[in-house]
Full PDB file with SEQRES, HELIX, SHEET, SSBOND, CRYST1, ORIGX, SCALE, CONECT and MASTER records, all heavy atoms in Angstrom:
SEQRES   1 A   44  GLU ILE ASP ILE MET GLU HIS VAL GLY TRP ASP PRO GLY          
SEQRES   2 A   44  ARG VAL HIS GLY THR VAL HIS THR LYS ALA TYR ASN HIS          
SEQRES   3 A   44  VAL ALA ASN THR GLN LYS GLY SER SER ARG MET VAL ALA          
SEQRES   4 A   44  ASP ALA CYS SER ALA                                          
SHEET    1 AA1 3 ILE A   2  HIS A   7  0                                        
SHEET    2 AA1 3 ARG A  14  VAL A  19 -1                                        
SHEET    3 AA1 3 LYS A  32  MET A  37 -1                                        
CRYST1    1.000    1.000    1.000  90.00  90.00  90.00 P 1           1          
ORIGX1      1.000000  0.000000  0.000000        0.00000                         
ORIGX2      0.000000  1.000000  0.000000        0.00000                         
ORIGX3      0.000000  0.000000  1.000000        0.00000                         
SCALE1      1.000000  0.000000  0.000000        0.00000                         
SCALE2      0.000000  1.000000  0.000000        0.00000                         
SCALE3      0.000000  0.000000  1.000000        0.00000                         
ATOM      1  N   GLU A   1     -19.901   2.324  11.296  1.00  0.00           N  
ATOM      2  CA  GLU A   1     -18.565   2.838  11.060  1.00  0.00           C  
ATOM      3  C   GLU A   1     -17.575   1.698  11.332  1.00  0.00           C  
ATOM      4  O   GLU A   1     -17.735   0.914  12.319  1.00  0.00           O  
ATOM      5  CB  GLU A   1     -18.220   4.003  12.021  1.00  0.00           C  
ATOM      6  CG  GLU A   1     -16.777   4.498  11.979  1.00  0.00           C  
ATOM      7  CD  GLU A   1     -16.506   5.645  12.953  1.00  0.00           C  
ATOM      8  OE1 GLU A   1     -17.465   6.434  13.210  1.00  0.00           O  
ATOM      9  OE2 GLU A   1     -15.412   5.755  13.460  1.00  0.00           O  
ATOM     10  N   ILE A   2     -16.613   1.598  10.425  1.00  0.00           N  
ATOM     11  CA  ILE A   2     -15.534   0.616  10.579  1.00  0.00           C  
ATOM     12  C   ILE A   2     -14.201   1.319  10.609  1.00  0.00           C  
ATOM     13  O   ILE A   2     -13.809   1.966   9.641  1.00  0.00           O  
ATOM     14  CB  ILE A   2     -15.518  -0.447   9.426  1.00  0.00           C  
ATOM     15  CG1 ILE A   2     -16.889  -1.142   9.301  1.00  0.00           C  
ATOM     16  CG2 ILE A   2     -14.402  -1.454   9.625  1.00  0.00           C  
ATOM     17  CD1 ILE A   2     -16.995  -1.939   8.013  1.00  0.00           C  
ATOM     18  N   ASP A   3     -13.482   1.223  11.786  1.00  0.00           N  
ATOM     19  CA  ASP A   3     -12.175   1.818  11.912  1.00  0.00           C  
ATOM     20  C   ASP A   3     -11.109   0.757  11.734  1.00  0.00           C  
ATOM     21  O   ASP A   3     -10.828  -0.024  12.546  1.00  0.00           O  
ATOM     22  CB  ASP A   3     -12.068   2.475  13.281  1.00  0.00           C  
ATOM     23  CG  ASP A   3     -13.094   3.609  13.514  1.00  0.00           C  
ATOM     24  OD1 ASP A   3     -13.391   4.274  12.525  1.00  0.00           O  
ATOM     25  OD2 ASP A   3     -13.541   3.712  14.660  1.00  0.00           O  
ATOM     26  N   ILE A   4     -10.481   0.797  10.548  1.00  0.00           N  
ATOM     27  CA  ILE A   4      -9.421  -0.130  10.236  1.00  0.00           C  
ATOM     28  C   ILE A   4      -8.149   0.126  11.003  1.00  0.00           C  
ATOM     29  O   ILE A   4      -7.459  -0.775  11.448  1.00  0.00           O  
ATOM     30  CB  ILE A   4      -9.187  -0.158   8.652  1.00  0.00           C  
ATOM     31  CG1 ILE A   4     -10.481  -0.485   7.919  1.00  0.00           C  
ATOM     32  CG2 ILE A   4      -8.085  -1.215   8.360  1.00  0.00           C  
ATOM     33  CD1 ILE A   4     -10.358  -0.273   6.427  1.00  0.00           C  
ATOM     34  N   MET A   5      -7.859   1.374  11.117  1.00  0.00           N  
ATOM     35  CA  MET A   5      -6.677   1.822  11.849  1.00  0.00           C  
ATOM     36  C   MET A   5      -6.869   3.214  12.473  1.00  0.00           C  
ATOM     37  O   MET A   5      -7.261   4.092  11.836  1.00  0.00           O  
ATOM     38  CB  MET A   5      -5.405   1.854  10.927  1.00  0.00           C  
ATOM     39  CG  MET A   5      -4.100   2.139  11.603  1.00  0.00           C  
ATOM     40  SD  MET A   5      -3.782   3.918  12.181  1.00  0.00           S  
ATOM     41  CE  MET A   5      -4.038   4.812  10.647  1.00  0.00           C  
ATOM     42  N   GLU A   6      -6.600   3.313  13.752  1.00  0.00           N  
ATOM     43  CA  GLU A   6      -6.504   4.549  14.433  1.00  0.00           C  
ATOM     44  C   GLU A   6      -5.226   4.545  15.300  1.00  0.00           C  
ATOM     45  O   GLU A   6      -4.885   3.520  15.897  1.00  0.00           O  
ATOM     46  CB  GLU A   6      -7.719   4.823  15.324  1.00  0.00           C  
ATOM     47  CG  GLU A   6      -8.986   5.056  14.551  1.00  0.00           C  
ATOM     48  CD  GLU A   6     -10.153   5.426  15.467  1.00  0.00           C  
ATOM     49  OE1 GLU A   6     -10.707   4.502  16.059  1.00  0.00           O  
ATOM     50  OE2 GLU A   6     -10.410   6.635  15.581  1.00  0.00           O  
ATOM     51  N   HIS A   7      -4.557   5.672  15.433  1.00  0.00           N  
ATOM     52  CA  HIS A   7      -3.375   5.737  16.192  1.00  0.00           C  
ATOM     53  C   HIS A   7      -3.337   7.159  16.854  1.00  0.00           C  
ATOM     54  O   HIS A   7      -3.552   8.196  16.176  1.00  0.00           O  
ATOM     55  CB  HIS A   7      -2.138   5.546  15.301  1.00  0.00           C  
ATOM     56  CG  HIS A   7      -0.810   5.617  16.091  1.00  0.00           C  
ATOM     57  ND1 HIS A   7      -0.176   6.781  16.261  1.00  0.00           N  
ATOM     58  CD2 HIS A   7      -0.082   4.658  16.721  1.00  0.00           C  
ATOM     59  CE1 HIS A   7       0.966   6.558  16.955  1.00  0.00           C  
ATOM     60  NE2 HIS A   7       1.021   5.257  17.225  1.00  0.00           N  
ATOM     61  N   VAL A   8      -3.123   7.185  18.149  1.00  0.00           N  
ATOM     62  CA  VAL A   8      -2.971   8.519  18.811  1.00  0.00           C  
ATOM     63  C   VAL A   8      -1.525   8.679  19.296  1.00  0.00           C  
ATOM     64  O   VAL A   8      -0.900   7.788  19.831  1.00  0.00           O  
ATOM     65  CB  VAL A   8      -3.976   8.623  20.049  1.00  0.00           C  
ATOM     66  CG1 VAL A   8      -5.416   8.712  19.450  1.00  0.00           C  
ATOM     67  CG2 VAL A   8      -3.881   7.450  20.952  1.00  0.00           C  
ATOM     68  N   GLY A   9      -1.004   9.897  19.002  1.00  0.00           N  
ATOM     69  CA  GLY A   9       0.415  10.137  19.211  1.00  0.00           C  
ATOM     70  C   GLY A   9       0.925  10.099  20.587  1.00  0.00           C  
ATOM     71  O   GLY A   9       2.126   9.830  20.788  1.00  0.00           O  
ATOM     72  N   TRP A  10       0.057  10.266  21.597  1.00  0.00           N  
ATOM     73  CA  TRP A  10       0.522  10.154  22.954  1.00  0.00           C  
ATOM     74  C   TRP A  10       0.705   8.685  23.412  1.00  0.00           C  
ATOM     75  O   TRP A  10       1.209   8.450  24.522  1.00  0.00           O  
ATOM     76  CB  TRP A  10      -0.389  10.925  23.939  1.00  0.00           C  
ATOM     77  CG  TRP A  10      -1.864  10.558  23.828  1.00  0.00           C  
ATOM     78  CD1 TRP A  10      -2.781  11.379  23.196  1.00  0.00           C  
ATOM     79  CD2 TRP A  10      -2.557   9.461  24.372  1.00  0.00           C  
ATOM     80  NE1 TRP A  10      -4.061  10.802  23.342  1.00  0.00           N  
ATOM     81  CE2 TRP A  10      -3.975   9.637  24.022  1.00  0.00           C  
ATOM     82  CE3 TRP A  10      -2.195   8.347  25.089  1.00  0.00           C  
ATOM     83  CZ2 TRP A  10      -4.936   8.717  24.339  1.00  0.00           C  
ATOM     84  CZ3 TRP A  10      -3.172   7.438  25.460  1.00  0.00           C  
ATOM     85  CH2 TRP A  10      -4.546   7.647  25.079  1.00  0.00           C  
ATOM     86  N   ASP A  11       0.280   7.778  22.560  1.00  0.00           N  
ATOM     87  CA  ASP A  11       0.438   6.355  22.877  1.00  0.00           C  
ATOM     88  C   ASP A  11       1.056   5.685  21.668  1.00  0.00           C  
ATOM     89  O   ASP A  11       0.441   4.877  21.055  1.00  0.00           O  
ATOM     90  CB  ASP A  11      -0.976   5.789  23.149  1.00  0.00           C  
ATOM     91  CG  ASP A  11      -0.965   4.401  23.774  1.00  0.00           C  
ATOM     92  OD1 ASP A  11       0.185   3.896  24.091  1.00  0.00           O  
ATOM     93  OD2 ASP A  11      -2.048   3.831  24.017  1.00  0.00           O  
ATOM     94  N   PRO A  12       2.344   5.991  21.414  1.00  0.00           N  
ATOM     95  CA  PRO A  12       2.919   5.568  20.163  1.00  0.00           C  
ATOM     96  C   PRO A  12       3.020   4.040  19.993  1.00  0.00           C  
ATOM     97  O   PRO A  12       3.402   3.313  20.955  1.00  0.00           O  
ATOM     98  CB  PRO A  12       4.336   6.190  20.188  1.00  0.00           C  
ATOM     99  CG  PRO A  12       4.625   6.436  21.634  1.00  0.00           C  
ATOM    100  CD  PRO A  12       3.277   6.739  22.278  1.00  0.00           C  
ATOM    101  N   GLY A  13       2.650   3.572  18.831  1.00  0.00           N  
ATOM    102  CA  GLY A  13       2.717   2.139  18.507  1.00  0.00           C  
ATOM    103  C   GLY A  13       1.432   1.354  18.823  1.00  0.00           C  
ATOM    104  O   GLY A  13       1.354   0.250  18.340  1.00  0.00           O  
ATOM    105  N   ARG A  14       0.517   1.916  19.524  1.00  0.00           N  
ATOM    106  CA  ARG A  14      -0.707   1.199  19.883  1.00  0.00           C  
ATOM    107  C   ARG A  14      -1.762   1.459  18.747  1.00  0.00           C  
ATOM    108  O   ARG A  14      -2.184   2.568  18.629  1.00  0.00           O  
ATOM    109  CB  ARG A  14      -1.293   1.524  21.181  1.00  0.00           C  
ATOM    110  CG  ARG A  14      -2.496   0.678  21.575  1.00  0.00           C  
ATOM    111  CD  ARG A  14      -3.059   1.040  22.937  1.00  0.00           C  
ATOM    112  NE  ARG A  14      -2.130   0.855  24.002  1.00  0.00           N  
ATOM    113  CZ  ARG A  14      -1.750  -0.352  24.553  1.00  0.00           C  
ATOM    114  NH1 ARG A  14      -2.383  -1.431  24.150  1.00  0.00           N  
ATOM    115  NH2 ARG A  14      -0.860  -0.445  25.444  1.00  0.00           N  
ATOM    116  N   VAL A  15      -2.024   0.473  17.942  1.00  0.00           N  
ATOM    117  CA  VAL A  15      -2.913   0.658  16.786  1.00  0.00           C  
ATOM    118  C   VAL A  15      -4.259   0.044  17.128  1.00  0.00           C  
ATOM    119  O   VAL A  15      -4.354  -1.126  17.583  1.00  0.00           O  
ATOM    120  CB  VAL A  15      -2.336  -0.009  15.518  1.00  0.00           C  
ATOM    121  CG1 VAL A  15      -3.293   0.104  14.345  1.00  0.00           C  
ATOM    122  CG2 VAL A  15      -0.957   0.701  15.163  1.00  0.00           C  
ATOM    123  N   HIS A  16      -5.362   0.764  16.892  1.00  0.00           N  
ATOM    124  CA  HIS A  16      -6.679   0.376  17.252  1.00  0.00           C  
ATOM    125  C   HIS A  16      -7.488  -0.040  16.042  1.00  0.00           C  
ATOM    126  O   HIS A  16      -7.407   0.592  14.988  1.00  0.00           O  
ATOM    127  CB  HIS A  16      -7.398   1.524  18.000  1.00  0.00           C  
ATOM    128  CG  HIS A  16      -6.744   1.960  19.249  1.00  0.00           C  
ATOM    129  ND1 HIS A  16      -7.072   1.481  20.506  1.00  0.00           N  
ATOM    130  CD2 HIS A  16      -5.707   2.815  19.468  1.00  0.00           C  
ATOM    131  CE1 HIS A  16      -6.358   2.068  21.377  1.00  0.00           C  
ATOM    132  NE2 HIS A  16      -5.485   2.896  20.803  1.00  0.00           N  
ATOM    133  N   GLY A  17      -8.390  -1.001  16.199  1.00  0.00           N  
ATOM    134  CA  GLY A  17      -9.431  -1.408  15.201  1.00  0.00           C  
ATOM    135  C   GLY A  17     -10.747  -1.414  15.979  1.00  0.00           C  
ATOM    136  O   GLY A  17     -10.856  -2.081  17.037  1.00  0.00           O  
ATOM    137  N   THR A  18     -11.795  -0.820  15.418  1.00  0.00           N  
ATOM    138  CA  THR A  18     -13.032  -0.673  16.165  1.00  0.00           C  
ATOM    139  C   THR A  18     -14.194  -0.665  15.147  1.00  0.00           C  
ATOM    140  O   THR A  18     -14.052  -0.211  14.017  1.00  0.00           O  
ATOM    141  CB  THR A  18     -13.054   0.625  16.972  1.00  0.00           C  
ATOM    142  OG1 THR A  18     -11.792   0.850  17.614  1.00  0.00           O  
ATOM    143  CG2 THR A  18     -14.169   0.673  18.030  1.00  0.00           C  
ATOM    144  N   VAL A  19     -15.370  -1.077  15.623  1.00  0.00           N  
ATOM    145  CA  VAL A  19     -16.613  -0.801  14.878  1.00  0.00           C  
ATOM    146  C   VAL A  19     -17.584  -0.048  15.726  1.00  0.00           C  
ATOM    147  O   VAL A  19     -17.546  -0.240  17.036  1.00  0.00           O  
ATOM    148  CB  VAL A  19     -17.233  -2.110  14.378  1.00  0.00           C  
ATOM    149  CG1 VAL A  19     -16.331  -2.803  13.371  1.00  0.00           C  
ATOM    150  CG2 VAL A  19     -17.680  -3.004  15.443  1.00  0.00           C  
ATOM    151  N   HIS A  20     -18.475   0.719  15.149  1.00  0.00           N  
ATOM    152  CA  HIS A  20     -19.476   1.418  15.848  1.00  0.00           C  
ATOM    153  C   HIS A  20     -20.820   1.239  15.201  1.00  0.00           C  
ATOM    154  O   HIS A  20     -20.945   1.329  13.979  1.00  0.00           O  
ATOM    155  CB  HIS A  20     -19.183   2.958  15.884  1.00  0.00           C  
ATOM    156  CG  HIS A  20     -17.887   3.320  16.561  1.00  0.00           C  
ATOM    157  ND1 HIS A  20     -17.816   3.451  17.933  1.00  0.00           N  
ATOM    158  CD2 HIS A  20     -16.678   3.496  16.139  1.00  0.00           C  
ATOM    159  CE1 HIS A  20     -16.568   3.684  18.293  1.00  0.00           C  
ATOM    160  NE2 HIS A  20     -15.842   3.792  17.205  1.00  0.00           N  
ATOM    161  N   THR A  21     -21.793   0.932  15.975  1.00  0.00           N  
ATOM    162  CA  THR A  21     -23.188   0.769  15.568  1.00  0.00           C  
ATOM    163  C   THR A  21     -24.108   1.446  16.533  1.00  0.00           C  
ATOM    164  O   THR A  21     -23.655   1.988  17.592  1.00  0.00           O  
ATOM    165  CB  THR A  21     -23.546  -0.733  15.378  1.00  0.00           C  
ATOM    166  OG1 THR A  21     -23.788  -1.244  16.747  1.00  0.00           O  
ATOM    167  CG2 THR A  21     -22.516  -1.564  14.706  1.00  0.00           C  
ATOM    168  N   LYS A  22     -25.473   1.428  16.230  1.00  0.00           N  
ATOM    169  CA  LYS A  22     -26.360   2.012  17.216  1.00  0.00           C  
ATOM    170  C   LYS A  22     -26.272   1.270  18.562  1.00  0.00           C  
ATOM    171  O   LYS A  22     -26.322   1.925  19.665  1.00  0.00           O  
ATOM    172  CB  LYS A  22     -27.808   1.928  16.683  1.00  0.00           C  
ATOM    173  CG  LYS A  22     -28.810   2.610  17.561  1.00  0.00           C  
ATOM    174  CD  LYS A  22     -30.224   2.588  16.912  1.00  0.00           C  
ATOM    175  CE  LYS A  22     -31.217   3.313  17.832  1.00  0.00           C  
ATOM    176  NZ  LYS A  22     -32.564   3.312  17.203  1.00  0.00           N  
ATOM    177  N   ALA A  23     -26.086  -0.016  18.561  1.00  0.00           N  
ATOM    178  CA  ALA A  23     -26.048  -0.784  19.830  1.00  0.00           C  
ATOM    179  C   ALA A  23     -24.667  -0.715  20.397  1.00  0.00           C  
ATOM    180  O   ALA A  23     -24.461  -0.826  21.662  1.00  0.00           O  
ATOM    181  CB  ALA A  23     -26.435  -2.225  19.574  1.00  0.00           C  
ATOM    182  N   TYR A  24     -23.628  -0.653  19.604  1.00  0.00           N  
ATOM    183  CA  TYR A  24     -22.231  -0.741  20.050  1.00  0.00           C  
ATOM    184  C   TYR A  24     -21.517   0.515  19.575  1.00  0.00           C  
ATOM    185  O   TYR A  24     -21.098   0.635  18.410  1.00  0.00           O  
ATOM    186  CB  TYR A  24     -21.579  -1.990  19.484  1.00  0.00           C  
ATOM    187  CG  TYR A  24     -22.295  -3.308  19.741  1.00  0.00           C  
ATOM    188  CD1 TYR A  24     -22.789  -4.062  18.720  1.00  0.00           C  
ATOM    189  CD2 TYR A  24     -22.555  -3.698  21.063  1.00  0.00           C  
ATOM    190  CE1 TYR A  24     -23.476  -5.283  18.963  1.00  0.00           C  
ATOM    191  CE2 TYR A  24     -23.243  -4.870  21.336  1.00  0.00           C  
ATOM    192  CZ  TYR A  24     -23.659  -5.660  20.296  1.00  0.00           C  
ATOM    193  OH  TYR A  24     -24.355  -6.838  20.554  1.00  0.00           O  
ATOM    194  N   ASN A  25     -21.221   1.435  20.535  1.00  0.00           N  
ATOM    195  CA  ASN A  25     -20.506   2.643  20.216  1.00  0.00           C  
ATOM    196  C   ASN A  25     -19.866   3.249  21.431  1.00  0.00           C  
ATOM    197  O   ASN A  25     -20.201   2.912  22.546  1.00  0.00           O  
ATOM    198  CB  ASN A  25     -21.443   3.634  19.499  1.00  0.00           C  
ATOM    199  CG  ASN A  25     -22.651   4.097  20.428  1.00  0.00           C  
ATOM    200  OD1 ASN A  25     -22.457   4.950  21.266  1.00  0.00           O  
ATOM    201  ND2 ASN A  25     -23.783   3.475  20.284  1.00  0.00           N  
ATOM    202  N   HIS A  26     -18.916   4.144  21.195  1.00  0.00           N  
ATOM    203  CA  HIS A  26     -18.132   4.613  22.309  1.00  0.00           C  
ATOM    204  C   HIS A  26     -18.857   5.563  23.218  1.00  0.00           C  
ATOM    205  O   HIS A  26     -18.477   5.693  24.418  1.00  0.00           O  
ATOM    206  CB  HIS A  26     -16.874   5.332  21.781  1.00  0.00           C  
ATOM    207  CG  HIS A  26     -17.060   6.647  21.173  1.00  0.00           C  
ATOM    208  ND1 HIS A  26     -17.024   7.830  21.894  1.00  0.00           N  
ATOM    209  CD2 HIS A  26     -17.324   7.024  19.900  1.00  0.00           C  
ATOM    210  CE1 HIS A  26     -17.278   8.849  21.089  1.00  0.00           C  
ATOM    211  NE2 HIS A  26     -17.451   8.412  19.934  1.00  0.00           N  
ATOM    212  N   VAL A  27     -19.901   6.248  22.665  1.00  0.00           N  
ATOM    213  CA  VAL A  27     -20.644   7.127  23.567  1.00  0.00           C  
ATOM    214  C   VAL A  27     -21.397   6.350  24.618  1.00  0.00           C  
ATOM    215  O   VAL A  27     -21.465   6.716  25.825  1.00  0.00           O  
ATOM    216  CB  VAL A  27     -21.693   7.919  22.720  1.00  0.00           C  
ATOM    217  CG1 VAL A  27     -22.555   8.817  23.618  1.00  0.00           C  
ATOM    218  CG2 VAL A  27     -20.934   8.727  21.725  1.00  0.00           C  
ATOM    219  N   ALA A  28     -21.908   5.149  24.280  1.00  0.00           N  
ATOM    220  CA  ALA A  28     -22.551   4.252  25.250  1.00  0.00           C  
ATOM    221  C   ALA A  28     -21.496   3.349  25.959  1.00  0.00           C  
ATOM    222  O   ALA A  28     -21.901   2.545  26.813  1.00  0.00           O  
ATOM    223  CB  ALA A  28     -23.588   3.409  24.562  1.00  0.00           C  
ATOM    224  N   ASN A  29     -20.285   3.440  25.594  1.00  0.00           N  
ATOM    225  CA  ASN A  29     -19.147   2.646  26.133  1.00  0.00           C  
ATOM    226  C   ASN A  29     -19.375   1.191  25.828  1.00  0.00           C  
ATOM    227  O   ASN A  29     -19.033   0.328  26.657  1.00  0.00           O  
ATOM    228  CB  ASN A  29     -19.008   2.900  27.642  1.00  0.00           C  
ATOM    229  CG  ASN A  29     -17.632   2.495  28.119  1.00  0.00           C  
ATOM    230  OD1 ASN A  29     -16.619   2.561  27.370  1.00  0.00           O  
ATOM    231  ND2 ASN A  29     -17.515   2.050  29.350  1.00  0.00           N  
ATOM    232  N   THR A  30     -19.957   0.921  24.685  1.00  0.00           N  
ATOM    233  CA  THR A  30     -20.236  -0.461  24.279  1.00  0.00           C  
ATOM    234  C   THR A  30     -19.530  -0.841  22.971  1.00  0.00           C  
ATOM    235  O   THR A  30     -19.839  -1.853  22.378  1.00  0.00           O  
ATOM    236  CB  THR A  30     -21.696  -0.684  24.075  1.00  0.00           C  
ATOM    237  OG1 THR A  30     -22.256   0.291  23.122  1.00  0.00           O  
ATOM    238  CG2 THR A  30     -22.480  -0.538  25.392  1.00  0.00           C  
ATOM    239  N   GLN A  31     -18.632   0.083  22.504  1.00  0.00           N  
ATOM    240  CA  GLN A  31     -17.999  -0.158  21.183  1.00  0.00           C  
ATOM    241  C   GLN A  31     -17.225  -1.474  21.213  1.00  0.00           C  
ATOM    242  O   GLN A  31     -16.848  -1.985  22.239  1.00  0.00           O  
ATOM    243  CB  GLN A  31     -16.995   1.052  20.862  1.00  0.00           C  
ATOM    244  CG  GLN A  31     -15.689   0.991  21.644  1.00  0.00           C  
ATOM    245  CD  GLN A  31     -15.814   1.612  22.996  1.00  0.00           C  
ATOM    246  OE1 GLN A  31     -16.861   2.112  23.396  1.00  0.00           O  
ATOM    247  NE2 GLN A  31     -14.705   1.676  23.703  1.00  0.00           N  
ATOM    248  N   LYS A  32     -17.111  -2.083  20.007  1.00  0.00           N  
ATOM    249  CA  LYS A  32     -16.409  -3.331  19.872  1.00  0.00           C  
ATOM    250  C   LYS A  32     -15.020  -3.067  19.195  1.00  0.00           C  
ATOM    251  O   LYS A  32     -15.007  -2.571  18.082  1.00  0.00           O  
ATOM    252  CB  LYS A  32     -17.213  -4.307  19.035  1.00  0.00           C  
ATOM    253  CG  LYS A  32     -18.591  -4.686  19.621  1.00  0.00           C  
ATOM    254  CD  LYS A  32     -18.413  -5.412  20.965  1.00  0.00           C  
ATOM    255  CE  LYS A  32     -19.752  -5.848  21.516  1.00  0.00           C  
ATOM    256  NZ  LYS A  32     -19.598  -6.636  22.823  1.00  0.00           N  
ATOM    257  N   GLY A  33     -14.018  -3.385  19.842  1.00  0.00           N  
ATOM    258  CA  GLY A  33     -12.724  -3.113  19.275  1.00  0.00           C  
ATOM    259  C   GLY A  33     -11.596  -3.800  19.979  1.00  0.00           C  
ATOM    260  O   GLY A  33     -11.782  -4.526  20.999  1.00  0.00           O  
ATOM    261  N   SER A  34     -10.423  -3.547  19.509  1.00  0.00           N  
ATOM    262  CA  SER A  34      -9.198  -4.160  20.005  1.00  0.00           C  
ATOM    263  C   SER A  34      -8.002  -3.291  19.648  1.00  0.00           C  
ATOM    264  O   SER A  34      -8.143  -2.308  18.904  1.00  0.00           O  
ATOM    265  CB  SER A  34      -9.006  -5.609  19.511  1.00  0.00           C  
ATOM    266  OG  SER A  34      -7.897  -6.175  20.130  1.00  0.00           O  
ATOM    267  N   SER A  35      -6.826  -3.615  20.088  1.00  0.00           N  
ATOM    268  CA  SER A  35      -5.595  -2.956  19.715  1.00  0.00           C  
ATOM    269  C   SER A  35      -4.489  -3.869  19.673  1.00  0.00           C  
ATOM    270  O   SER A  35      -4.506  -4.957  20.288  1.00  0.00           O  
ATOM    271  CB  SER A  35      -5.379  -1.727  20.632  1.00  0.00           C  
ATOM    272  OG  SER A  35      -5.072  -2.250  21.961  1.00  0.00           O  
ATOM    273  N   ARG A  36      -3.395  -3.443  18.953  1.00  0.00           N  
ATOM    274  CA  ARG A  36      -2.166  -4.224  18.924  1.00  0.00           C  
ATOM    275  C   ARG A  36      -0.992  -3.282  18.961  1.00  0.00           C  
ATOM    276  O   ARG A  36      -1.064  -2.227  18.297  1.00  0.00           O  
ATOM    277  CB  ARG A  36      -2.132  -5.064  17.670  1.00  0.00           C  
ATOM    278  CG  ARG A  36      -0.838  -5.888  17.497  1.00  0.00           C  
ATOM    279  CD  ARG A  36      -0.920  -6.656  16.231  1.00  0.00           C  
ATOM    280  NE  ARG A  36       0.438  -6.881  15.658  1.00  0.00           N  
ATOM    281  CZ  ARG A  36       0.757  -7.283  14.441  1.00  0.00           C  
ATOM    282  NH1 ARG A  36      -0.225  -7.620  13.637  1.00  0.00           N  
ATOM    283  NH2 ARG A  36       1.955  -7.337  14.084  1.00  0.00           N  
ATOM    284  N   MET A  37      -0.011  -3.655  19.657  1.00  0.00           N  
ATOM    285  CA  MET A  37       1.260  -2.795  19.706  1.00  0.00           C  
ATOM    286  C   MET A  37       2.095  -3.115  18.453  1.00  0.00           C  
ATOM    287  O   MET A  37       2.382  -4.258  18.162  1.00  0.00           O  
ATOM    288  CB  MET A  37       2.033  -3.076  20.967  1.00  0.00           C  
ATOM    289  CG  MET A  37       1.453  -2.495  22.208  1.00  0.00           C  
ATOM    290  SD  MET A  37       1.256  -0.694  22.202  1.00  0.00           S  
ATOM    291  CE  MET A  37       2.943  -0.092  21.982  1.00  0.00           C  
ATOM    292  N   VAL A  38       2.474  -2.073  17.738  1.00  0.00           N  
ATOM    293  CA  VAL A  38       3.354  -2.165  16.561  1.00  0.00           C  
ATOM    294  C   VAL A  38       4.435  -1.166  16.840  1.00  0.00           C  
ATOM    295  O   VAL A  38       4.298   0.101  16.610  1.00  0.00           O  
ATOM    296  CB  VAL A  38       2.556  -1.826  15.309  1.00  0.00           C  
ATOM    297  CG1 VAL A  38       3.497  -2.019  14.046  1.00  0.00           C  
ATOM    298  CG2 VAL A  38       1.375  -2.695  15.120  1.00  0.00           C  
ATOM    299  N   ALA A  39       5.578  -1.603  17.389  1.00  0.00           N  
ATOM    300  CA  ALA A  39       6.576  -0.700  17.926  1.00  0.00           C  
ATOM    301  C   ALA A  39       7.088   0.302  16.906  1.00  0.00           C  
ATOM    302  O   ALA A  39       7.421   1.396  17.276  1.00  0.00           O  
ATOM    303  CB  ALA A  39       7.732  -1.539  18.568  1.00  0.00           C  
ATOM    304  N   ASP A  40       7.181  -0.085  15.684  1.00  0.00           N  
ATOM    305  CA  ASP A  40       7.753   0.778  14.641  1.00  0.00           C  
ATOM    306  C   ASP A  40       6.743   1.362  13.722  1.00  0.00           C  
ATOM    307  O   ASP A  40       6.982   1.674  12.583  1.00  0.00           O  
ATOM    308  CB  ASP A  40       8.864   0.102  13.842  1.00  0.00           C  
ATOM    309  CG  ASP A  40       8.354  -1.126  13.143  1.00  0.00           C  
ATOM    310  OD1 ASP A  40       7.169  -1.538  13.326  1.00  0.00           O  
ATOM    311  OD2 ASP A  40       9.112  -1.724  12.296  1.00  0.00           O  
ATOM    312  N   ALA A  41       5.477   1.507  14.200  1.00  0.00           N  
ATOM    313  CA  ALA A  41       4.358   1.996  13.372  1.00  0.00           C  
ATOM    314  C   ALA A  41       4.608   3.318  12.774  1.00  0.00           C  
ATOM    315  O   ALA A  41       4.162   3.722  11.695  1.00  0.00           O  
ATOM    316  CB  ALA A  41       3.085   1.986  14.158  1.00  0.00           C  
ATOM    317  N   CYS A  42       5.440   4.155  13.485  1.00  0.00           N  
ATOM    318  CA  CYS A  42       5.734   5.541  13.062  1.00  0.00           C  
ATOM    319  C   CYS A  42       7.023   5.656  12.268  1.00  0.00           C  
ATOM    320  O   CYS A  42       7.409   6.753  11.789  1.00  0.00           O  
ATOM    321  CB  CYS A  42       5.771   6.458  14.214  1.00  0.00           C  
ATOM    322  SG  CYS A  42       4.177   6.569  15.103  1.00  0.00           S  
ATOM    323  N   SER A  43       7.719   4.525  12.088  1.00  0.00           N  
ATOM    324  CA  SER A  43       9.038   4.626  11.363  1.00  0.00           C  
ATOM    325  C   SER A  43       9.088   3.591  10.264  1.00  0.00           C  
ATOM    326  O   SER A  43      10.083   3.551   9.461  1.00  0.00           O  
ATOM    327  CB  SER A  43      10.156   4.338  12.307  1.00  0.00           C  
ATOM    328  OG  SER A  43      10.070   3.085  12.955  1.00  0.00           O  
ATOM    329  N   ALA A  44       8.124   2.731  10.134  1.00  0.00           N  
ATOM    330  CA  ALA A  44       8.095   1.672   9.098  1.00  0.00           C  
ATOM    331  C   ALA A  44       6.704   1.494   8.527  1.00  0.00           C  
ATOM    332  O   ALA A  44       5.728   1.727   9.225  1.00  0.00           O  
ATOM    333  CB  ALA A  44       8.623   0.364   9.660  1.00  0.00           C  
TER     334      ALA A  44                                                      
MASTER        0    0    0    0    3    0    0    6  333    1    0    4          
END                                                                             
């Protein structure tokens, strides 16, 4: 799985990018990802 963009509304502006594989995934807490703040993500 390749997550190009995820955003959760309780954390406005924080945009996540992540990949999930058998070895690297959130259930095992080994997922590979990062995030970036985009202050106007919800208005622009």
